[in-house]
Amino acid sequence: MIENEKTHSAKYQVLYNRLTNGTPFTTDTAQARITALADALEITQEEADELAALAKAHGTSGATLEERVDALENVERNQNENHGEGFPHPHPKWRRFR
């Protein structure tokens, strides 16, 4: 269990997980989501500051669409390697879209 789960809001936890799970995202998009949550008072200013620091550390900036697609494909490739060939995707609904 993450130490932050006890002290942070659910909205913070969702965005924290999104920013740290390895899925590529742009810093601008993350900052827009953080600002929207802070403006709606769904996260505190301290939580917003922590998330903004994570976004800057893990996000991409100025990436072209092609670069972002390549990054997503690399994540998918890594996930497939971790699950091995011949094994079904861990989410059963995913098989319908293959």
C-alpha atoms as a PDB file:
ATOM      1  CA  MET A   1       0.000   0.000   0.000  1.00  0.00           C
ATOM      2  CA  ILE A   2       1.295   3.430  -0.899  1.00  0.00           C
ATOM      3  CA  GLU A   3       1.844   5.689   2.069  1.00  0.00           C
ATOM      4  CA  ASN A   4      -0.011   8.508   0.266  1.00  0.00           C
ATOM      5  CA  GLU A   5      -3.233   6.475   0.046  1.00  0.00           C
ATOM      6  CA  LYS A   6      -4.039   7.240   3.673  1.00  0.00           C
ATOM      7  CA  THR A   7      -3.633  10.991   3.452  1.00  0.00           C
ATOM      8  CA  HIS A   8      -4.563  12.027  -0.093  1.00  0.00           C
ATOM      9  CA  SER A   9      -7.907  12.354  -1.828  1.00  0.00           C
ATOM     10  CA  ALA A  10      -9.172   9.765  -4.295  1.00  0.00           C
ATOM     11  CA  LYS A  11      -8.816  12.240  -7.180  1.00  0.00           C
ATOM     12  CA  TYR A  12      -5.165  12.747  -6.240  1.00  0.00           C
ATOM     13  CA  GLN A  13      -4.575   8.978  -6.137  1.00  0.00           C
ATOM     14  CA  VAL A  14      -6.108   8.458  -9.581  1.00  0.00           C
ATOM     15  CA  LEU A  15      -3.951  11.148 -11.166  1.00  0.00           C
ATOM     16  CA  TYR A  16      -0.870  10.042  -9.196  1.00  0.00           C
ATOM     17  CA  ASN A  17      -1.291   6.491 -10.514  1.00  0.00           C
ATOM     18  CA  ARG A  18      -1.788   7.787 -14.047  1.00  0.00           C
ATOM     19  CA  LEU A  19       1.382   9.895 -13.869  1.00  0.00           C
ATOM     20  CA  THR A  20       3.543   7.102 -12.469  1.00  0.00           C
ATOM     21  CA  ASN A  21       2.341   3.969 -14.314  1.00  0.00           C
ATOM     22  CA  GLY A  22       4.643   4.384 -17.307  1.00  0.00           C
ATOM     23  CA  THR A  23       2.015   5.418 -19.870  1.00  0.00           C
ATOM     24  CA  PRO A  24       3.342   8.389 -21.869  1.00  0.00           C
ATOM     25  CA  PHE A  25       1.585  11.732 -21.420  1.00  0.00           C
ATOM     26  CA  THR A  26       2.345  15.343 -22.213  1.00  0.00           C
ATOM     27  CA  THR A  27       3.245  17.717 -19.434  1.00  0.00           C
ATOM     28  CA  ASP A  28       0.719  20.245 -20.746  1.00  0.00           C
ATOM     29  CA  THR A  29      -2.156  17.741 -20.604  1.00  0.00           C
ATOM     30  CA  ALA A  30      -1.239  16.657 -17.082  1.00  0.00           C
ATOM     31  CA  GLN A  31      -0.952  20.255 -15.916  1.00  0.00           C
ATOM     32  CA  ALA A  32      -4.382  21.055 -17.384  1.00  0.00           C
ATOM     33  CA  ARG A  33      -5.938  18.154 -15.455  1.00  0.00           C
ATOM     34  CA  ILE A  34      -4.159  19.162 -12.256  1.00  0.00           C
ATOM     35  CA  THR A  35      -5.314  22.767 -12.627  1.00  0.00           C
ATOM     36  CA  ALA A  36      -8.908  21.689 -13.292  1.00  0.00           C
ATOM     37  CA  LEU A  37      -8.962  19.540 -10.139  1.00  0.00           C
ATOM     38  CA  ALA A  38      -7.380  22.297  -8.045  1.00  0.00           C
ATOM     39  CA  ASP A  39      -9.785  24.930  -9.402  1.00  0.00           C
ATOM     40  CA  ALA A  40     -12.744  22.681  -8.566  1.00  0.00           C
ATOM     41  CA  LEU A  41     -11.266  22.240  -5.048  1.00  0.00           C
ATOM     42  CA  GLU A  42     -11.113  18.473  -5.529  1.00  0.00           C
ATOM     43  CA  ILE A  43      -7.422  18.419  -4.559  1.00  0.00           C
ATOM     44  CA  THR A  44      -5.457  20.671  -2.253  1.00  0.00           C
ATOM     45  CA  GLN A  45      -2.789  23.091  -3.431  1.00  0.00           C
ATOM     46  CA  GLU A  46      -0.138  20.857  -1.852  1.00  0.00           C
ATOM     47  CA  GLU A  47      -1.449  17.873  -3.806  1.00  0.00           C
ATOM     48  CA  ALA A  48      -1.502  19.974  -6.981  1.00  0.00           C
ATOM     49  CA  ASP A  49       2.120  20.990  -6.409  1.00  0.00           C
ATOM     50  CA  GLU A  50       3.181  17.350  -5.890  1.00  0.00           C
ATOM     51  CA  LEU A  51       1.360  16.222  -9.027  1.00  0.00           C
ATOM     52  CA  ALA A  52       2.842  19.090 -11.042  1.00  0.00           C
ATOM     53  CA  ALA A  53       6.337  18.008  -9.975  1.00  0.00           C
ATOM     54  CA  LEU A  54       5.565  14.429 -11.063  1.00  0.00           C
ATOM     55  CA  ALA A  55       4.206  15.678 -14.393  1.00  0.00           C
ATOM     56  CA  LYS A  56       7.384  17.651 -15.033  1.00  0.00           C
ATOM     57  CA  ALA A  57       9.565  14.684 -14.085  1.00  0.00           C
ATOM     58  CA  HIS A  58       7.723  12.022 -16.108  1.00  0.00           C
ATOM     59  CA  GLY A  59       5.906  13.916 -18.868  1.00  0.00           C
ATOM     60  CA  THR A  60       6.914  14.708 -22.394  1.00  0.00           C
ATOM     61  CA  SER A  61       6.930  18.179 -23.835  1.00  0.00           C
ATOM     62  CA  GLY A  62       6.759  19.231 -27.430  1.00  0.00           C
ATOM     63  CA  ALA A  63       6.490  15.671 -28.698  1.00  0.00           C
ATOM     64  CA  THR A  64       4.960  15.281 -32.114  1.00  0.00           C
ATOM     65  CA  LEU A  65       2.014  12.977 -32.646  1.00  0.00           C
ATOM     66  CA  GLU A  66       4.335  10.426 -34.232  1.00  0.00           C
ATOM     67  CA  GLU A  67       6.676  10.491 -31.221  1.00  0.00           C
ATOM     68  CA  ARG A  68       3.735  10.065 -28.837  1.00  0.00           C
ATOM     69  CA  VAL A  69       2.388   7.111 -30.857  1.00  0.00           C
ATOM     70  CA  ASP A  70       5.861   5.540 -30.850  1.00  0.00           C
ATOM     71  CA  ALA A  71       6.043   5.939 -27.071  1.00  0.00           C
ATOM     72  CA  LEU A  72       2.633   4.263 -26.648  1.00  0.00           C
ATOM     73  CA  GLU A  73       3.672   1.420 -28.943  1.00  0.00           C
ATOM     74  CA  ASN A  74       6.846   0.914 -26.886  1.00  0.00           C
ATOM     75  CA  VAL A  75       4.796   0.656 -23.694  1.00  0.00           C
ATOM     76  CA  GLU A  76       2.491  -1.874 -25.361  1.00  0.00           C
ATOM     77  CA  ARG A  77       5.478  -3.853 -26.652  1.00  0.00           C
ATOM     78  CA  ASN A  78       6.983  -3.945 -23.149  1.00  0.00           C
ATOM     79  CA  GLN A  79       3.685  -5.101 -21.662  1.00  0.00           C
ATOM     80  CA  ASN A  80       3.420  -7.858 -24.270  1.00  0.00           C
ATOM     81  CA  GLU A  81       6.963  -8.990 -23.475  1.00  0.00           C
ATOM     82  CA  ASN A  82       6.119  -9.085 -19.764  1.00  0.00           C
ATOM     83  CA  HIS A  83       3.031 -11.223 -20.397  1.00  0.00           C
ATOM     84  CA  GLY A  84       4.755 -13.464 -22.937  1.00  0.00           C
ATOM     85  CA  GLU A  85       3.547 -14.667 -26.283  1.00  0.00           C
ATOM     86  CA  GLY A  86       0.533 -16.915 -26.278  1.00  0.00           C
ATOM     87  CA  PHE A  87      -0.837 -15.633 -23.005  1.00  0.00           C
ATOM     88  CA  PRO A  88      -4.138 -13.775 -23.086  1.00  0.00           C
ATOM     89  CA  HIS A  89      -4.267 -10.125 -22.189  1.00  0.00           C
ATOM     90  CA  PRO A  90      -5.000  -9.740 -18.446  1.00  0.00           C
ATOM     91  CA  HIS A  91      -8.229  -7.885 -19.191  1.00  0.00           C
ATOM     92  CA  PRO A  92     -10.812 -10.249 -20.767  1.00  0.00           C
ATOM     93  CA  LYS A  93     -12.595  -7.532 -22.779  1.00  0.00           C
ATOM     94  CA  TRP A  94      -9.329  -6.719 -24.587  1.00  0.00           C
ATOM     95  CA  ARG A  95      -9.482 -10.009 -26.497  1.00  0.00           C
ATOM     96  CA  ARG A  96     -12.553  -8.801 -28.403  1.00  0.00           C
ATOM     97  CA  PHE A  97     -10.572  -5.949 -29.963  1.00  0.00           C
ATOM     98  CA  ARG A  98      -7.555  -7.921 -31.145  1.00  0.00           C
END
